[in-house]
Amino acid sequence: MLKIDLKKLIFFLALLITTDAFAINFEGKFVQGHFIIGKTEPDTKIWIDKKRVKVTGNGYFVFGIGRDRKYDVIITKEFEGKKEKIIKKVKKRKYKIQRIDGLPEKKVTPPKEVYERIKRENKIIADARAIESNLTFFKNKFITPLENAIVTGVYGSQRILNGKPKWPHYGIDFAAKEGTKIKAMLDGTATMVEPNLFYTGGTLIFDHGHGVSTLYMHMQKIFVKKGEKVKQGQIIGTVGSTGRSTGPHLDVRLNWFGTRLDPMTVLNLKK
């Protein structure tokens, strides 16, 4: 008859339970530009690299990996006085080159008289992206902002405007007719509503909690006010060609604080 050491069996089972319970589960890939949700025990402290991040009452947290990040992600977890480090390698991506011609020269290389305006507008955008609220909408599934969306510009592509190399593109461009209705991709609160920014024209920013925000750019009309709470699928405005644009389209972006992420990682779309 097989003899079982009861004490060893109990220890082994306890070890399995403890290891499983204290693990962090990740939804998302450790790839440049990706959006990642973590799940751990409630009342856990989490650091991403050296940044302390919020953890929801049921153990969710969120972070993102920048377009050009080359080094590992270090996740530090503290639970019941014990600290643990998890190191994740970041996979590199190859990015496309996108050439756009026919832009007004002042939009490619702005005249000195608008430098202060651009600087002021950049600060407004940065302030909205820096918000760290307790909202937890970031955990929910996103929807596409347009019906029958056609992707014409992708995240990360190196942009050459009128033959001049410029900043990479940090969003997704959707081609659409002017006046096409735009839907909110996720529940959130409008933290920035600007009808006429120099580069992005009619622009909206929504806060979804824990540093996660979305941007909608080049809009013709905006139907929400700053501070307004919106529901996923709500019509928030219409497609336009405002700001630096060669034709009607919608540029949408996803951020984790100042880190620009690929919206494709949360939208079920094919490039």
C-alpha atoms as a PDB file:
ATOM      1  CA  MET A   1       0.000   0.000   0.000  1.00  0.00           C
ATOM      2  CA  LEU A   2       1.313   3.464  -0.959  1.00  0.00           C
ATOM      3  CA  LYS A   3       2.336   5.497   2.071  1.00  0.00           C
ATOM      4  CA  ILE A   4       1.708   9.236   1.981  1.00  0.00           C
ATOM      5  CA  ASP A   5       3.564  11.667   4.195  1.00  0.00           C
ATOM      6  CA  LEU A   6       0.639  13.864   5.234  1.00  0.00           C
ATOM      7  CA  LYS A   7       2.849  16.745   6.408  1.00  0.00           C
ATOM      8  CA  LYS A   8       4.739  16.866   3.110  1.00  0.00           C
ATOM      9  CA  LEU A   9       1.495  16.695   1.146  1.00  0.00           C
ATOM     10  CA  ILE A  10       0.000  19.585   3.127  1.00  0.00           C
ATOM     11  CA  PHE A  11       3.167  21.645   2.620  1.00  0.00           C
ATOM     12  CA  PHE A  12       3.203  20.922  -1.115  1.00  0.00           C
ATOM     13  CA  LEU A  13      -0.453  21.903  -1.524  1.00  0.00           C
ATOM     14  CA  ALA A  14       0.072  25.051   0.538  1.00  0.00           C
ATOM     15  CA  LEU A  15       3.057  25.960  -1.629  1.00  0.00           C
ATOM     16  CA  LEU A  16       0.999  25.540  -4.785  1.00  0.00           C
ATOM     17  CA  ILE A  17      -1.831  27.667  -3.402  1.00  0.00           C
ATOM     18  CA  THR A  18       0.557  30.372  -2.157  1.00  0.00           C
ATOM     19  CA  THR A  19       2.525  30.497  -5.404  1.00  0.00           C
ATOM     20  CA  ASP A  20      -0.662  30.763  -7.442  1.00  0.00           C
ATOM     21  CA  ALA A  21      -2.272  33.317  -5.132  1.00  0.00           C
ATOM     22  CA  PHE A  22       0.757  35.612  -5.023  1.00  0.00           C
ATOM     23  CA  ALA A  23       1.387  35.545  -8.784  1.00  0.00           C
ATOM     24  CA  ILE A  24       0.728  38.571 -10.989  1.00  0.00           C
ATOM     25  CA  ASN A  25      -1.281  37.886 -14.111  1.00  0.00           C
ATOM     26  CA  PHE A  26      -0.719  40.139 -17.125  1.00  0.00           C
ATOM     27  CA  GLU A  27      -3.085  40.873 -19.997  1.00  0.00           C
ATOM     28  CA  GLY A  28      -1.070  42.259 -22.894  1.00  0.00           C
ATOM     29  CA  LYS A  29       2.325  41.679 -24.467  1.00  0.00           C
ATOM     30  CA  PHE A  30       5.688  43.029 -23.343  1.00  0.00           C
ATOM     31  CA  VAL A  31       6.282  44.618 -26.728  1.00  0.00           C
ATOM     32  CA  GLN A  32       7.108  48.226 -27.634  1.00  0.00           C
ATOM     33  CA  GLY A  33       3.944  50.343 -27.709  1.00  0.00           C
ATOM     34  CA  HIS A  34       1.756  47.868 -25.842  1.00  0.00           C
ATOM     35  CA  PHE A  35      -0.907  48.454 -23.178  1.00  0.00           C
ATOM     36  CA  ILE A  36      -0.795  46.022 -20.236  1.00  0.00           C
ATOM     37  CA  ILE A  37      -3.228  45.309 -17.401  1.00  0.00           C
ATOM     38  CA  GLY A  38      -1.979  43.488 -14.304  1.00  0.00           C
ATOM     39  CA  LYS A  39      -3.989  41.549 -11.723  1.00  0.00           C
ATOM     40  CA  THR A  40      -2.730  40.873  -8.208  1.00  0.00           C
ATOM     41  CA  GLU A  41      -4.088  40.646  -4.651  1.00  0.00           C
ATOM     42  CA  PRO A  42      -6.011  43.587  -3.195  1.00  0.00           C
ATOM     43  CA  ASP A  43      -3.966  45.758  -0.801  1.00  0.00           C
ATOM     44  CA  THR A  44      -0.800  45.108  -2.808  1.00  0.00           C
ATOM     45  CA  LYS A  45       1.704  47.862  -3.597  1.00  0.00           C
ATOM     46  CA  ILE A  46       3.047  47.891  -7.155  1.00  0.00           C
ATOM     47  CA  TRP A  47       5.918  49.798  -8.771  1.00  0.00           C
ATOM     48  CA  ILE A  48       6.605  49.866 -12.503  1.00  0.00           C
ATOM     49  CA  ASP A  49      10.330  50.555 -12.733  1.00  0.00           C
ATOM     50  CA  LYS A  50      10.542  53.185  -9.949  1.00  0.00           C
ATOM     51  CA  LYS A  51       7.021  54.574 -10.341  1.00  0.00           C
ATOM     52  CA  ARG A  52       4.413  53.616  -7.744  1.00  0.00           C
ATOM     53  CA  VAL A  53       1.111  52.874  -9.499  1.00  0.00           C
ATOM     54  CA  LYS A  54      -2.424  52.681  -8.204  1.00  0.00           C
ATOM     55  CA  VAL A  55      -4.025  49.283  -7.561  1.00  0.00           C
ATOM     56  CA  THR A  56      -7.819  48.953  -7.589  1.00  0.00           C
ATOM     57  CA  GLY A  57      -9.760  47.493  -4.683  1.00  0.00           C
ATOM     58  CA  ASN A  58      -9.890  44.161  -6.499  1.00  0.00           C
ATOM     59  CA  GLY A  59      -6.220  44.118  -7.501  1.00  0.00           C
ATOM     60  CA  TYR A  60      -6.024  45.612 -11.009  1.00  0.00           C
ATOM     61  CA  PHE A  61      -3.291  47.974 -12.203  1.00  0.00           C
ATOM     62  CA  VAL A  62      -2.186  49.260 -15.592  1.00  0.00           C
ATOM     63  CA  PHE A  63       0.914  50.477 -17.424  1.00  0.00           C
ATOM     64  CA  GLY A  64       2.339  50.826 -20.912  1.00  0.00           C
ATOM     65  CA  ILE A  65       5.557  50.308 -22.853  1.00  0.00           C
ATOM     66  CA  GLY A  66       6.858  53.209 -24.942  1.00  0.00           C
ATOM     67  CA  ARG A  67       7.523  53.101 -28.686  1.00  0.00           C
ATOM     68  CA  ASP A  68      11.313  53.062 -28.381  1.00  0.00           C
ATOM     69  CA  ARG A  69      11.849  51.336 -25.038  1.00  0.00           C
ATOM     70  CA  LYS A  70      14.901  49.073 -25.211  1.00  0.00           C
ATOM     71  CA  TYR A  71      15.359  48.012 -21.581  1.00  0.00           C
ATOM     72  CA  ASP A  72      13.505  45.528 -19.368  1.00  0.00           C
ATOM     73  CA  VAL A  73      10.383  46.358 -17.380  1.00  0.00           C
ATOM     74  CA  ILE A  74      10.896  45.888 -13.635  1.00  0.00           C
ATOM     75  CA  ILE A  75       7.693  45.228 -11.689  1.00  0.00           C
ATOM     76  CA  THR A  76       8.100  45.417  -7.910  1.00  0.00           C
ATOM     77  CA  LYS A  77       5.366  43.983  -5.728  1.00  0.00           C
ATOM     78  CA  GLU A  78       4.932  44.411  -1.979  1.00  0.00           C
ATOM     79  CA  PHE A  79       2.325  42.316  -0.187  1.00  0.00           C
ATOM     80  CA  GLU A  80       2.048  41.738   3.554  1.00  0.00           C
ATOM     81  CA  GLY A  81       5.509  43.222   4.086  1.00  0.00           C
ATOM     82  CA  LYS A  82       7.241  41.026   1.504  1.00  0.00           C
ATOM     83  CA  LYS A  83       8.781  42.436  -1.674  1.00  0.00           C
ATOM     84  CA  GLU A  84       9.219  40.616  -4.955  1.00  0.00           C
ATOM     85  CA  LYS A  85      10.674  41.743  -8.293  1.00  0.00           C
ATOM     86  CA  ILE A  86       9.568  40.535 -11.698  1.00  0.00           C
ATOM     87  CA  ILE A  87      11.718  41.386 -14.716  1.00  0.00           C
ATOM     88  CA  LYS A  88      10.185  41.279 -18.187  1.00  0.00           C
ATOM     89  CA  LYS A  89      12.071  41.566 -21.474  1.00  0.00           C
ATOM     90  CA  VAL A  90      10.679  44.042 -24.009  1.00  0.00           C
ATOM     91  CA  LYS A  91      10.366  42.890 -27.606  1.00  0.00           C
ATOM     92  CA  LYS A  92      11.353  45.377 -30.316  1.00  0.00           C
ATOM     93  CA  ARG A  93       9.113  46.297 -33.230  1.00  0.00           C
ATOM     94  CA  LYS A  94       9.795  47.419 -36.772  1.00  0.00           C
ATOM     95  CA  TYR A  95       7.982  50.593 -37.784  1.00  0.00           C
ATOM     96  CA  LYS A  96       6.805  51.787 -41.171  1.00  0.00           C
ATOM     97  CA  ILE A  97       7.873  54.947 -42.967  1.00  0.00           C
ATOM     98  CA  GLN A  98       4.967  57.189 -43.968  1.00  0.00           C
ATOM     99  CA  ARG A  99       5.343  60.035 -46.452  1.00  0.00           C
ATOM    100  CA  ILE A 100       2.799  62.852 -46.483  1.00  0.00           C
ATOM    101  CA  ASP A 101       3.076  65.592 -49.077  1.00  0.00           C
ATOM    102  CA  GLY A 102       0.966  68.628 -49.850  1.00  0.00           C
ATOM    103  CA  LEU A 103       0.847  70.069 -46.331  1.00  0.00           C
ATOM    104  CA  PRO A 104       0.937  73.863 -45.881  1.00  0.00           C
ATOM    105  CA  GLU A 105       4.561  74.729 -45.145  1.00  0.00           C
ATOM    106  CA  LYS A 106       3.592  76.557 -41.933  1.00  0.00           C
ATOM    107  CA  LYS A 107       2.188  73.276 -40.573  1.00  0.00           C
ATOM    108  CA  VAL A 108       5.405  71.375 -41.330  1.00  0.00           C
ATOM    109  CA  THR A 109       7.791  74.059 -40.064  1.00  0.00           C
ATOM    110  CA  PRO A 110       5.677  76.521 -38.084  1.00  0.00           C
ATOM    111  CA  PRO A 111       6.619  80.216 -38.152  1.00  0.00           C
ATOM    112  CA  LYS A 112       8.258  81.648 -35.047  1.00  0.00           C
ATOM    113  CA  GLU A 113       5.202  83.734 -34.190  1.00  0.00           C
ATOM    114  CA  VAL A 114       3.218  80.568 -33.324  1.00  0.00           C
ATOM    115  CA  TYR A 115       5.923  78.962 -31.138  1.00  0.00           C
ATOM    116  CA  GLU A 116       4.386  80.333 -27.957  1.00  0.00           C
ATOM    117  CA  ARG A 117       0.958  79.104 -29.002  1.00  0.00           C
ATOM    118  CA  ILE A 118       2.296  75.602 -29.686  1.00  0.00           C
ATOM    119  CA  LYS A 119       4.172  75.583 -26.371  1.00  0.00           C
ATOM    120  CA  ARG A 120       1.019  76.651 -24.511  1.00  0.00           C
ATOM    121  CA  GLU A 121      -1.110  74.023 -26.261  1.00  0.00           C
ATOM    122  CA  ASN A 122       1.442  71.284 -25.573  1.00  0.00           C
ATOM    123  CA  LYS A 123       1.261  72.102 -21.864  1.00  0.00           C
ATOM    124  CA  ILE A 124      -2.547  71.854 -21.879  1.00  0.00           C
ATOM    125  CA  ILE A 125      -2.284  68.401 -23.470  1.00  0.00           C
ATOM    126  CA  ALA A 126       0.491  67.286 -21.093  1.00  0.00           C
ATOM    127  CA  ASP A 127      -1.518  68.401 -18.055  1.00  0.00           C
ATOM    128  CA  ALA A 128      -4.537  66.373 -19.199  1.00  0.00           C
ATOM    129  CA  ARG A 129      -2.387  63.288 -19.787  1.00  0.00           C
ATOM    130  CA  ALA A 130      -0.805  63.608 -16.325  1.00  0.00           C
ATOM    131  CA  ILE A 131      -4.117  63.117 -14.480  1.00  0.00           C
ATOM    132  CA  GLU A 132      -4.171  60.089 -12.171  1.00  0.00           C
ATOM    133  CA  SER A 133      -7.775  59.552 -11.093  1.00  0.00           C
ATOM    134  CA  ASN A 134      -9.354  56.597  -9.310  1.00  0.00           C
ATOM    135  CA  LEU A 135     -11.559  55.714 -12.280  1.00  0.00           C
ATOM    136  CA  THR A 136     -11.282  52.073 -13.334  1.00  0.00           C
ATOM    137  CA  PHE A 137     -12.736  52.144 -16.851  1.00  0.00           C
ATOM    138  CA  PHE A 138      -9.326  51.169 -18.261  1.00  0.00           C
ATOM    139  CA  LYS A 139     -10.178  47.535 -17.365  1.00  0.00           C
ATOM    140  CA  ASN A 140     -13.040  47.416 -19.870  1.00  0.00           C
ATOM    141  CA  LYS A 141     -12.909  46.456 -23.543  1.00  0.00           C
ATOM    142  CA  PHE A 142     -12.547  49.301 -26.042  1.00  0.00           C
ATOM    143  CA  ILE A 143     -14.707  49.740 -29.142  1.00  0.00           C
ATOM    144  CA  THR A 144     -13.750  51.348 -32.454  1.00  0.00           C
ATOM    145  CA  PRO A 145     -14.708  55.033 -32.704  1.00  0.00           C
ATOM    146  CA  LEU A 146     -16.101  54.830 -36.253  1.00  0.00           C
ATOM    147  CA  GLU A 147     -18.408  52.449 -38.095  1.00  0.00           C
ATOM    148  CA  ASN A 148     -16.637  50.501 -40.871  1.00  0.00           C
ATOM    149  CA  ALA A 149     -13.318  52.041 -39.850  1.00  0.00           C
ATOM    150  CA  ILE A 150     -10.588  52.139 -42.511  1.00  0.00           C
ATOM    151  CA  VAL A 151      -7.062  52.480 -41.104  1.00  0.00           C
ATOM    152  CA  THR A 152      -4.817  54.752 -43.178  1.00  0.00           C
ATOM    153  CA  GLY A 153      -2.076  55.563 -40.661  1.00  0.00           C
ATOM    154  CA  VAL A 154      -0.518  53.367 -37.992  1.00  0.00           C
ATOM    155  CA  TYR A 155       1.256  53.868 -34.679  1.00  0.00           C
ATOM    156  CA  GLY A 156       5.003  54.274 -34.629  1.00  0.00           C
ATOM    157  CA  SER A 157       5.514  55.097 -38.295  1.00  0.00           C
ATOM    158  CA  GLN A 158       8.308  57.544 -39.061  1.00  0.00           C
ATOM    159  CA  ARG A 159       6.665  60.498 -40.756  1.00  0.00           C
ATOM    160  CA  ILE A 160       8.267  62.405 -43.605  1.00  0.00           C
ATOM    161  CA  LEU A 161       6.257  65.572 -44.208  1.00  0.00           C
ATOM    162  CA  ASN A 162       6.835  67.412 -47.480  1.00  0.00           C
ATOM    163  CA  GLY A 163      10.133  65.525 -47.689  1.00  0.00           C
ATOM    164  CA  LYS A 164      11.265  66.460 -44.149  1.00  0.00           C
ATOM    165  CA  PRO A 165      11.704  63.769 -41.430  1.00  0.00           C
ATOM    166  CA  LYS A 166       9.518  64.586 -38.410  1.00  0.00           C
ATOM    167  CA  TRP A 167       8.293  62.995 -35.173  1.00  0.00           C
ATOM    168  CA  PRO A 168       6.841  59.476 -35.428  1.00  0.00           C
ATOM    169  CA  HIS A 169       3.084  59.066 -35.573  1.00  0.00           C
ATOM    170  CA  TYR A 170       1.735  58.076 -32.156  1.00  0.00           C
ATOM    171  CA  GLY A 171      -1.839  57.170 -33.081  1.00  0.00           C
ATOM    172  CA  ILE A 172      -4.113  55.514 -35.623  1.00  0.00           C
ATOM    173  CA  ASP A 173      -5.599  57.428 -38.541  1.00  0.00           C
ATOM    174  CA  PHE A 174      -9.069  56.458 -39.737  1.00  0.00           C
ATOM    175  CA  ALA A 175     -10.270  57.681 -43.123  1.00  0.00           C
ATOM    176  CA  ALA A 176     -13.864  58.928 -43.070  1.00  0.00           C
ATOM    177  CA  LYS A 177     -16.117  61.515 -44.655  1.00  0.00           C
ATOM    178  CA  GLU A 178     -16.329  64.909 -43.022  1.00  0.00           C
ATOM    179  CA  GLY A 179     -19.220  64.937 -40.571  1.00  0.00           C
ATOM    180  CA  THR A 180     -19.048  61.202 -39.779  1.00  0.00           C
ATOM    181  CA  LYS A 181     -20.137  60.577 -36.195  1.00  0.00           C
ATOM    182  CA  ILE A 182     -17.448  59.622 -33.674  1.00  0.00           C
ATOM    183  CA  LYS A 183     -18.172  57.281 -30.768  1.00  0.00           C
ATOM    184  CA  ALA A 184     -16.436  57.213 -27.385  1.00  0.00           C
ATOM    185  CA  MET A 185     -14.197  54.136 -27.290  1.00  0.00           C
ATOM    186  CA  LEU A 186     -14.599  53.758 -23.528  1.00  0.00           C
ATOM    187  CA  ASP A 187     -16.418  55.289 -20.563  1.00  0.00           C
ATOM    188  CA  GLY A 188     -14.545  58.300 -19.215  1.00  0.00           C
ATOM    189  CA  THR A 189     -14.440  61.952 -18.219  1.00  0.00           C
ATOM    190  CA  ALA A 190     -13.585  64.755 -20.655  1.00  0.00           C
ATOM    191  CA  THR A 191     -10.483  66.454 -19.260  1.00  0.00           C
ATOM    192  CA  MET A 192      -9.594  68.579 -22.287  1.00  0.00           C
ATOM    193  CA  VAL A 193     -11.914  70.066 -24.906  1.00  0.00           C
ATOM    194  CA  GLU A 194     -10.164  72.287 -27.463  1.00  0.00           C
ATOM    195  CA  PRO A 195     -11.825  73.293 -30.758  1.00  0.00           C
ATOM    196  CA  ASN A 196      -8.786  74.666 -32.594  1.00  0.00           C
ATOM    197  CA  LEU A 197      -5.284  73.509 -31.644  1.00  0.00           C
ATOM    198  CA  PHE A 198      -2.496  74.362 -34.086  1.00  0.00           C
ATOM    199  CA  TYR A 199      -1.498  70.807 -34.982  1.00  0.00           C
ATOM    200  CA  THR A 200      -4.539  68.710 -34.055  1.00  0.00           C
ATOM    201  CA  GLY A 201      -7.451  71.106 -34.574  1.00  0.00           C
ATOM    202  CA  GLY A 202     -10.594  70.039 -32.712  1.00  0.00           C
ATOM    203  CA  THR A 203      -9.226  67.813 -29.940  1.00  0.00           C
ATOM    204  CA  LEU A 204     -10.722  65.834 -27.060  1.00  0.00           C
ATOM    205  CA  ILE A 205      -9.002  64.012 -24.194  1.00  0.00           C
ATOM    206  CA  PHE A 206     -10.796  61.544 -21.931  1.00  0.00           C
ATOM    207  CA  ASP A 207      -9.548  60.188 -18.615  1.00  0.00           C
ATOM    208  CA  HIS A 208     -10.206  56.487 -17.963  1.00  0.00           C
ATOM    209  CA  GLY A 209      -8.374  56.173 -14.660  1.00  0.00           C
ATOM    210  CA  HIS A 210      -4.895  55.357 -13.317  1.00  0.00           C
ATOM    211  CA  GLY A 211      -3.142  57.559 -15.898  1.00  0.00           C
ATOM    212  CA  VAL A 212      -4.889  56.083 -18.947  1.00  0.00           C
ATOM    213  CA  SER A 213      -6.243  58.619 -21.437  1.00  0.00           C
ATOM    214  CA  THR A 214      -7.491  58.666 -25.020  1.00  0.00           C
ATOM    215  CA  LEU A 215      -7.286  61.488 -27.568  1.00  0.00           C
ATOM    216  CA  TYR A 216      -9.467  62.280 -30.587  1.00  0.00           C
ATOM    217  CA  MET A 217      -8.024  64.755 -33.098  1.00  0.00           C
ATOM    218  CA  HIS A 218      -8.851  66.842 -36.195  1.00  0.00           C
ATOM    219  CA  MET A 219     -12.545  66.901 -35.253  1.00  0.00           C
ATOM    220  CA  GLN A 220     -15.025  69.105 -37.097  1.00  0.00           C
ATOM    221  CA  LYS A 221     -17.553  69.342 -34.253  1.00  0.00           C
ATOM    222  CA  ILE A 222     -17.310  68.483 -30.547  1.00  0.00           C
ATOM    223  CA  PHE A 223     -20.447  67.523 -28.617  1.00  0.00           C
ATOM    224  CA  VAL A 224     -19.091  67.293 -25.056  1.00  0.00           C
ATOM    225  CA  LYS A 225     -17.896  69.787 -22.476  1.00  0.00           C
ATOM    226  CA  LYS A 226     -14.901  69.681 -20.169  1.00  0.00           C
ATOM    227  CA  GLY A 227     -15.722  67.674 -17.045  1.00  0.00           C
ATOM    228  CA  GLU A 228     -18.567  65.799 -18.736  1.00  0.00           C
ATOM    229  CA  LYS A 229     -18.844  62.064 -18.099  1.00  0.00           C
ATOM    230  CA  VAL A 230     -19.410  59.988 -21.224  1.00  0.00           C
ATOM    231  CA  LYS A 231     -20.503  56.422 -21.856  1.00  0.00           C
ATOM    232  CA  GLN A 232     -18.901  54.021 -24.293  1.00  0.00           C
ATOM    233  CA  GLY A 233     -20.553  54.386 -27.700  1.00  0.00           C
ATOM    234  CA  GLN A 234     -21.839  57.909 -26.998  1.00  0.00           C
ATOM    235  CA  ILE A 235     -21.518  60.288 -29.974  1.00  0.00           C
ATOM    236  CA  ILE A 236     -18.851  62.809 -28.958  1.00  0.00           C
ATOM    237  CA  GLY A 237     -18.365  64.724 -32.209  1.00  0.00           C
ATOM    238  CA  THR A 238     -17.764  64.455 -35.950  1.00  0.00           C
ATOM    239  CA  VAL A 239     -14.825  63.805 -38.266  1.00  0.00           C
ATOM    240  CA  GLY A 240     -13.108  66.852 -39.719  1.00  0.00           C
ATOM    241  CA  SER A 241      -9.894  68.077 -41.300  1.00  0.00           C
ATOM    242  CA  THR A 242      -8.837  70.662 -38.743  1.00  0.00           C
ATOM    243  CA  GLY A 243      -5.274  71.412 -37.648  1.00  0.00           C
ATOM    244  CA  ARG A 244      -2.411  69.832 -39.612  1.00  0.00           C
ATOM    245  CA  SER A 245      -4.404  67.677 -42.004  1.00  0.00           C
ATOM    246  CA  THR A 246      -4.567  66.914 -45.727  1.00  0.00           C
ATOM    247  CA  GLY A 247      -8.159  65.674 -45.656  1.00  0.00           C
ATOM    248  CA  PRO A 248     -10.990  64.418 -43.431  1.00  0.00           C
ATOM    249  CA  HIS A 249      -9.860  61.753 -40.978  1.00  0.00           C
ATOM    250  CA  LEU A 250      -9.821  60.866 -37.287  1.00  0.00           C
ATOM    251  CA  ASP A 251      -6.558  60.417 -35.391  1.00  0.00           C
ATOM    252  CA  VAL A 252      -7.023  58.544 -32.097  1.00  0.00           C
ATOM    253  CA  ARG A 253      -4.373  58.009 -29.443  1.00  0.00           C
ATOM    254  CA  LEU A 254      -3.865  56.046 -26.253  1.00  0.00           C
ATOM    255  CA  ASN A 255      -1.625  57.158 -23.388  1.00  0.00           C
ATOM    256  CA  TRP A 256      -0.430  55.941 -20.030  1.00  0.00           C
ATOM    257  CA  PHE A 257       0.567  59.293 -18.503  1.00  0.00           C
ATOM    258  CA  GLY A 258       3.268  60.646 -20.853  1.00  0.00           C
ATOM    259  CA  THR A 259       3.879  57.296 -22.534  1.00  0.00           C
ATOM    260  CA  ARG A 260       2.242  57.075 -25.943  1.00  0.00           C
ATOM    261  CA  LEU A 261       0.839  53.632 -26.710  1.00  0.00           C
ATOM    262  CA  ASP A 262      -0.490  51.832 -29.769  1.00  0.00           C
ATOM    263  CA  PRO A 263      -4.316  51.992 -29.893  1.00  0.00           C
ATOM    264  CA  MET A 264      -4.232  48.792 -31.957  1.00  0.00           C
ATOM    265  CA  THR A 265      -3.350  46.936 -28.756  1.00  0.00           C
ATOM    266  CA  VAL A 266      -6.832  47.654 -27.344  1.00  0.00           C
ATOM    267  CA  LEU A 267      -8.890  47.710 -30.558  1.00  0.00           C
ATOM    268  CA  ASN A 268      -9.847  44.561 -32.428  1.00  0.00           C
ATOM    269  CA  LEU A 269      -8.638  45.770 -35.820  1.00  0.00           C
ATOM    270  CA  LYS A 270      -6.392  44.481 -38.563  1.00  0.00           C
ATOM    271  CA  LYS A 271      -3.625  46.764 -39.783  1.00  0.00           C
END
